N, C-alpha and C. Protein backbone atom coordinates (compact mmCIF):
# COMPACT_ATOMS: atom_id res chain seq x y z
N MET A 1 59.12 -50.60 -101.11
CA MET A 1 58.84 -50.40 -102.52
C MET A 1 60.12 -50.61 -103.33
N THR A 2 60.01 -51.38 -104.40
CA THR A 2 61.19 -51.63 -105.22
C THR A 2 61.37 -50.50 -106.23
N MET A 3 62.63 -50.24 -106.54
CA MET A 3 62.92 -49.19 -107.52
C MET A 3 62.67 -49.72 -108.92
N PRO A 4 62.06 -48.90 -109.79
CA PRO A 4 61.82 -49.36 -111.16
C PRO A 4 63.12 -49.43 -111.95
N LYS A 5 63.17 -50.30 -112.94
CA LYS A 5 64.33 -50.41 -113.83
C LYS A 5 64.22 -49.29 -114.86
N LEU A 6 65.15 -48.35 -114.79
CA LEU A 6 65.12 -47.21 -115.70
C LEU A 6 65.98 -47.51 -116.92
N LYS A 7 65.45 -47.20 -118.09
CA LYS A 7 66.16 -47.50 -119.33
C LYS A 7 66.90 -46.29 -119.87
N ILE A 8 66.75 -45.14 -119.21
CA ILE A 8 67.47 -43.93 -119.61
C ILE A 8 68.62 -43.73 -118.65
N LYS A 9 69.78 -43.42 -119.21
CA LYS A 9 70.98 -43.27 -118.40
C LYS A 9 71.60 -41.89 -118.58
N LYS A 10 72.52 -41.55 -117.68
CA LYS A 10 73.24 -40.29 -117.75
C LYS A 10 73.98 -40.19 -119.09
N GLY A 11 73.87 -39.02 -119.72
CA GLY A 11 74.53 -38.81 -121.00
C GLY A 11 73.64 -39.04 -122.20
N ASP A 12 72.46 -39.65 -122.01
CA ASP A 12 71.53 -39.88 -123.12
C ASP A 12 70.90 -38.57 -123.58
N LYS A 13 70.60 -38.49 -124.87
CA LYS A 13 69.86 -37.35 -125.42
C LYS A 13 68.38 -37.70 -125.33
N VAL A 14 67.59 -36.80 -124.72
CA VAL A 14 66.16 -37.05 -124.55
C VAL A 14 65.35 -35.85 -125.03
N ILE A 15 64.06 -36.09 -125.27
CA ILE A 15 63.12 -35.03 -125.63
C ILE A 15 61.99 -35.04 -124.60
N VAL A 16 61.50 -33.86 -124.24
CA VAL A 16 60.43 -33.74 -123.25
C VAL A 16 59.10 -33.93 -123.95
N LEU A 17 58.25 -34.83 -123.42
CA LEU A 17 56.98 -35.18 -124.04
C LEU A 17 55.81 -34.35 -123.52
N SER A 18 55.89 -33.87 -122.27
CA SER A 18 54.77 -33.11 -121.72
C SER A 18 55.26 -32.09 -120.72
N GLY A 19 54.40 -31.12 -120.44
CA GLY A 19 54.73 -30.07 -119.48
C GLY A 19 55.09 -28.77 -120.18
N LYS A 20 55.56 -27.82 -119.39
CA LYS A 20 55.85 -26.48 -119.94
C LYS A 20 57.02 -26.49 -120.92
N ASP A 21 57.90 -27.48 -120.83
CA ASP A 21 59.07 -27.56 -121.70
C ASP A 21 58.90 -28.60 -122.81
N LYS A 22 57.65 -28.93 -123.15
CA LYS A 22 57.37 -29.93 -124.18
C LYS A 22 58.09 -29.60 -125.48
N GLY A 23 58.77 -30.61 -126.05
CA GLY A 23 59.48 -30.43 -127.31
C GLY A 23 60.95 -30.09 -127.14
N LYS A 24 61.35 -29.65 -125.95
CA LYS A 24 62.76 -29.32 -125.73
C LYS A 24 63.60 -30.58 -125.67
N GLN A 25 64.84 -30.47 -126.15
CA GLN A 25 65.76 -31.59 -126.12
C GLN A 25 66.95 -31.23 -125.25
N GLY A 26 67.54 -32.24 -124.64
CA GLY A 26 68.71 -32.00 -123.81
C GLY A 26 69.37 -33.30 -123.40
N GLU A 27 70.50 -33.16 -122.74
CA GLU A 27 71.25 -34.32 -122.28
C GLU A 27 70.92 -34.59 -120.82
N VAL A 28 70.82 -35.86 -120.45
CA VAL A 28 70.54 -36.24 -119.08
C VAL A 28 71.80 -36.00 -118.25
N LEU A 29 71.67 -35.15 -117.22
CA LEU A 29 72.79 -34.84 -116.35
C LEU A 29 72.86 -35.78 -115.15
N LYS A 30 71.69 -36.22 -114.68
CA LYS A 30 71.63 -37.07 -113.50
C LYS A 30 70.35 -37.88 -113.53
N VAL A 31 70.43 -39.13 -113.06
CA VAL A 31 69.26 -40.00 -112.97
C VAL A 31 69.03 -40.33 -111.50
N MET A 32 67.78 -40.19 -111.05
CA MET A 32 67.42 -40.48 -109.67
C MET A 32 66.43 -41.64 -109.64
N PRO A 33 66.93 -42.88 -109.60
CA PRO A 33 66.05 -44.05 -109.71
C PRO A 33 65.04 -44.16 -108.55
N ARG A 34 65.43 -43.75 -107.36
CA ARG A 34 64.55 -43.85 -106.19
C ARG A 34 63.27 -43.03 -106.39
N ASP A 35 63.41 -41.86 -107.04
CA ASP A 35 62.26 -40.98 -107.26
C ASP A 35 61.72 -41.11 -108.69
N ALA A 36 62.36 -41.90 -109.55
CA ALA A 36 62.01 -42.05 -110.97
C ALA A 36 62.03 -40.69 -111.66
N ARG A 37 63.09 -39.92 -111.41
CA ARG A 37 63.23 -38.59 -111.99
C ARG A 37 64.58 -38.44 -112.67
N VAL A 38 64.64 -37.51 -113.64
CA VAL A 38 65.90 -37.22 -114.33
C VAL A 38 66.12 -35.71 -114.36
N LEU A 39 67.40 -35.33 -114.38
CA LEU A 39 67.79 -33.94 -114.49
C LEU A 39 68.28 -33.75 -115.92
N VAL A 40 67.58 -32.90 -116.69
CA VAL A 40 67.91 -32.70 -118.10
C VAL A 40 68.44 -31.28 -118.30
N GLN A 41 69.53 -31.16 -119.04
CA GLN A 41 70.18 -29.87 -119.27
C GLN A 41 69.25 -28.93 -120.03
N GLY A 42 69.01 -27.74 -119.46
CA GLY A 42 68.20 -26.72 -120.11
C GLY A 42 66.70 -26.92 -120.02
N VAL A 43 66.25 -27.89 -119.22
CA VAL A 43 64.82 -28.19 -119.10
C VAL A 43 64.38 -28.00 -117.65
N ASN A 44 63.17 -27.45 -117.46
CA ASN A 44 62.61 -27.17 -116.14
C ASN A 44 63.52 -26.24 -115.35
N VAL A 45 63.93 -25.14 -116.00
CA VAL A 45 64.84 -24.17 -115.39
C VAL A 45 64.05 -23.19 -114.53
N VAL A 46 64.53 -22.98 -113.29
CA VAL A 46 63.90 -22.04 -112.36
C VAL A 46 64.96 -21.06 -111.87
N LYS A 47 64.50 -19.92 -111.34
CA LYS A 47 65.42 -18.93 -110.78
C LYS A 47 65.39 -19.04 -109.26
N ARG A 48 66.57 -19.00 -108.66
CA ARG A 48 66.69 -19.07 -107.21
C ARG A 48 67.51 -17.87 -106.74
N HIS A 49 67.07 -17.24 -105.66
CA HIS A 49 67.82 -16.13 -105.07
C HIS A 49 68.86 -16.71 -104.14
N GLN A 50 70.14 -16.39 -104.42
CA GLN A 50 71.25 -16.98 -103.67
C GLN A 50 71.91 -15.89 -102.82
N ARG A 51 72.04 -16.16 -101.54
CA ARG A 51 72.72 -15.22 -100.65
C ARG A 51 74.23 -15.29 -100.90
N PRO A 52 74.92 -14.16 -100.86
CA PRO A 52 76.38 -14.20 -101.09
C PRO A 52 77.11 -14.99 -100.01
N THR A 53 78.13 -15.73 -100.43
CA THR A 53 78.98 -16.47 -99.50
C THR A 53 80.43 -16.08 -99.78
N GLN A 54 81.36 -16.69 -99.05
CA GLN A 54 82.78 -16.39 -99.29
C GLN A 54 83.22 -16.87 -100.67
N LEU A 55 82.60 -17.92 -101.15
CA LEU A 55 82.99 -18.50 -102.44
C LEU A 55 82.20 -17.95 -103.61
N ASP A 56 80.95 -17.53 -103.36
CA ASP A 56 80.05 -17.14 -104.44
C ASP A 56 79.49 -15.74 -104.20
N ALA A 57 79.34 -14.98 -105.30
CA ALA A 57 78.86 -13.60 -105.18
C ALA A 57 77.37 -13.53 -104.86
N GLY A 58 76.63 -14.60 -105.12
CA GLY A 58 75.20 -14.58 -104.88
C GLY A 58 74.45 -13.98 -106.06
N GLY A 59 73.21 -13.57 -105.83
CA GLY A 59 72.38 -13.00 -106.89
C GLY A 59 71.31 -13.99 -107.31
N ILE A 60 70.71 -13.75 -108.47
CA ILE A 60 69.65 -14.62 -108.97
C ILE A 60 70.28 -15.66 -109.89
N LYS A 61 70.23 -16.92 -109.48
CA LYS A 61 70.85 -18.02 -110.23
C LYS A 61 69.77 -18.87 -110.90
N GLU A 62 70.09 -19.38 -112.08
CA GLU A 62 69.18 -20.30 -112.76
C GLU A 62 69.71 -21.72 -112.59
N LYS A 63 68.79 -22.66 -112.31
CA LYS A 63 69.20 -24.05 -112.21
C LYS A 63 68.08 -24.96 -112.69
N GLU A 64 68.45 -26.18 -113.08
CA GLU A 64 67.47 -27.15 -113.55
C GLU A 64 66.93 -27.94 -112.36
N LEU A 65 65.64 -28.24 -112.41
CA LEU A 65 65.03 -29.13 -111.44
C LEU A 65 64.69 -30.44 -112.14
N PRO A 66 64.64 -31.54 -111.37
CA PRO A 66 64.34 -32.84 -111.98
C PRO A 66 62.90 -32.92 -112.50
N ILE A 67 62.71 -33.71 -113.57
CA ILE A 67 61.36 -34.00 -114.06
C ILE A 67 61.16 -35.50 -114.06
N HIS A 68 59.91 -35.91 -114.06
CA HIS A 68 59.61 -37.34 -113.99
C HIS A 68 60.04 -38.05 -115.27
N ILE A 69 60.54 -39.26 -115.10
CA ILE A 69 61.10 -40.00 -116.24
C ILE A 69 60.04 -40.35 -117.29
N SER A 70 58.77 -40.39 -116.88
CA SER A 70 57.71 -40.71 -117.83
C SER A 70 57.46 -39.55 -118.80
N ASN A 71 57.97 -38.38 -118.48
CA ASN A 71 57.77 -37.21 -119.33
C ASN A 71 58.88 -36.99 -120.35
N VAL A 72 59.85 -37.92 -120.40
CA VAL A 72 60.92 -37.80 -121.39
C VAL A 72 61.00 -39.07 -122.23
N ALA A 73 61.50 -38.92 -123.45
CA ALA A 73 61.71 -40.08 -124.33
C ALA A 73 63.11 -40.00 -124.91
N PHE A 74 63.72 -41.16 -125.08
CA PHE A 74 65.05 -41.26 -125.66
C PHE A 74 64.99 -40.82 -127.12
N ILE A 75 66.02 -40.12 -127.59
CA ILE A 75 66.08 -39.69 -128.99
C ILE A 75 66.88 -40.71 -129.78
N ASP A 76 66.25 -41.26 -130.83
CA ASP A 76 66.89 -42.25 -131.69
C ASP A 76 68.09 -41.61 -132.38
N PRO A 77 69.29 -42.20 -132.27
CA PRO A 77 70.47 -41.60 -132.90
C PRO A 77 70.41 -41.59 -134.43
N LYS A 78 69.58 -42.45 -135.03
CA LYS A 78 69.52 -42.56 -136.48
C LYS A 78 68.71 -41.43 -137.12
N ASP A 79 67.49 -41.17 -136.60
CA ASP A 79 66.65 -40.15 -137.23
C ASP A 79 66.21 -39.02 -136.29
N SER A 80 66.80 -38.94 -135.10
CA SER A 80 66.54 -37.86 -134.14
C SER A 80 65.06 -37.71 -133.77
N LYS A 81 64.34 -38.83 -133.69
CA LYS A 81 62.95 -38.82 -133.26
C LYS A 81 62.82 -39.64 -131.98
N PRO A 82 61.74 -39.41 -131.19
CA PRO A 82 61.58 -40.14 -129.94
C PRO A 82 61.44 -41.64 -130.18
N SER A 83 62.05 -42.41 -129.29
CA SER A 83 62.00 -43.86 -129.42
C SER A 83 61.94 -44.48 -128.03
N ARG A 84 61.38 -45.68 -127.97
CA ARG A 84 61.45 -46.43 -126.73
C ARG A 84 62.78 -47.18 -126.71
N VAL A 85 63.14 -47.68 -125.55
CA VAL A 85 64.41 -48.38 -125.41
C VAL A 85 64.14 -49.83 -125.03
N GLY A 86 64.83 -50.73 -125.71
CA GLY A 86 64.72 -52.15 -125.41
C GLY A 86 66.10 -52.74 -125.17
N TYR A 87 66.14 -54.03 -124.92
CA TYR A 87 67.41 -54.71 -124.68
C TYR A 87 67.58 -55.84 -125.68
N LYS A 88 68.84 -56.16 -125.98
CA LYS A 88 69.15 -57.23 -126.91
C LYS A 88 70.47 -57.86 -126.50
N MET A 89 70.57 -59.17 -126.66
CA MET A 89 71.82 -59.87 -126.39
C MET A 89 72.63 -59.95 -127.68
N LEU A 90 73.90 -59.56 -127.62
CA LEU A 90 74.78 -59.65 -128.78
C LEU A 90 75.40 -61.05 -128.86
N LYS A 91 76.06 -61.33 -129.97
CA LYS A 91 76.69 -62.64 -130.18
C LYS A 91 77.75 -62.94 -129.12
N ASP A 92 78.46 -61.88 -128.68
CA ASP A 92 79.52 -62.10 -127.69
C ASP A 92 79.00 -62.19 -126.26
N GLY A 93 77.66 -62.18 -126.09
CA GLY A 93 77.07 -62.38 -124.77
C GLY A 93 76.76 -61.10 -124.00
N ARG A 94 77.07 -59.94 -124.60
CA ARG A 94 76.78 -58.68 -123.91
C ARG A 94 75.31 -58.31 -124.09
N LYS A 95 74.74 -57.72 -123.03
CA LYS A 95 73.37 -57.21 -123.10
C LYS A 95 73.46 -55.71 -123.35
N VAL A 96 72.89 -55.24 -124.46
CA VAL A 96 72.98 -53.82 -124.81
C VAL A 96 71.59 -53.22 -124.99
N ARG A 97 71.53 -51.90 -124.85
CA ARG A 97 70.28 -51.19 -125.09
C ARG A 97 70.16 -50.90 -126.57
N VAL A 98 68.93 -51.01 -127.10
CA VAL A 98 68.68 -50.70 -128.51
C VAL A 98 67.48 -49.76 -128.61
N ALA A 99 67.50 -48.89 -129.63
CA ALA A 99 66.37 -48.02 -129.90
C ALA A 99 65.32 -48.85 -130.63
N ARG A 100 64.11 -48.90 -130.09
CA ARG A 100 63.06 -49.72 -130.69
C ARG A 100 62.65 -49.21 -132.07
N ARG A 101 62.76 -47.91 -132.29
CA ARG A 101 62.32 -47.31 -133.55
C ARG A 101 63.14 -47.81 -134.74
N SER A 102 64.49 -47.82 -134.57
CA SER A 102 65.36 -48.17 -135.70
C SER A 102 66.13 -49.46 -135.49
N GLY A 103 66.18 -49.97 -134.25
CA GLY A 103 66.97 -51.15 -133.96
C GLY A 103 68.44 -50.84 -133.74
N GLU A 104 68.79 -49.54 -133.75
CA GLU A 104 70.17 -49.09 -133.56
C GLU A 104 70.66 -49.40 -132.14
N VAL A 105 71.89 -49.91 -132.00
CA VAL A 105 72.46 -50.20 -130.69
C VAL A 105 72.90 -48.88 -130.06
N ILE A 106 72.45 -48.66 -128.81
CA ILE A 106 72.76 -47.41 -128.10
C ILE A 106 74.10 -47.53 -127.38
N ASP A 107 74.26 -48.59 -126.60
CA ASP A 107 75.50 -48.80 -125.85
C ASP A 107 76.58 -49.33 -126.77
N LYS A 108 77.75 -48.77 -126.68
CA LYS A 108 78.86 -49.22 -127.53
C LYS A 108 79.69 -50.25 -126.81
């Protein structure tokens, strides 16, 4: 099975479109192309019981779990609303990502 081409990258601001965290916004911490999932800061947070180790005191820790990439949308930098992502070739030959909503260039 081939991996899908993901248009969302680490560091992008995204909004959750569906699920228990619908409407929440956060930054992408990690992208997992093989599973088509992303780890978003402050979204899909669960509690895990951690046994104490030499380095860590243990206790009940909160951590984010990955969500499917189809459940998030890129946030347009111009008007802070959800947008799809497209590609465009610049005059100097670079291929950059653009927000479809406003046409704003995402990659600098």
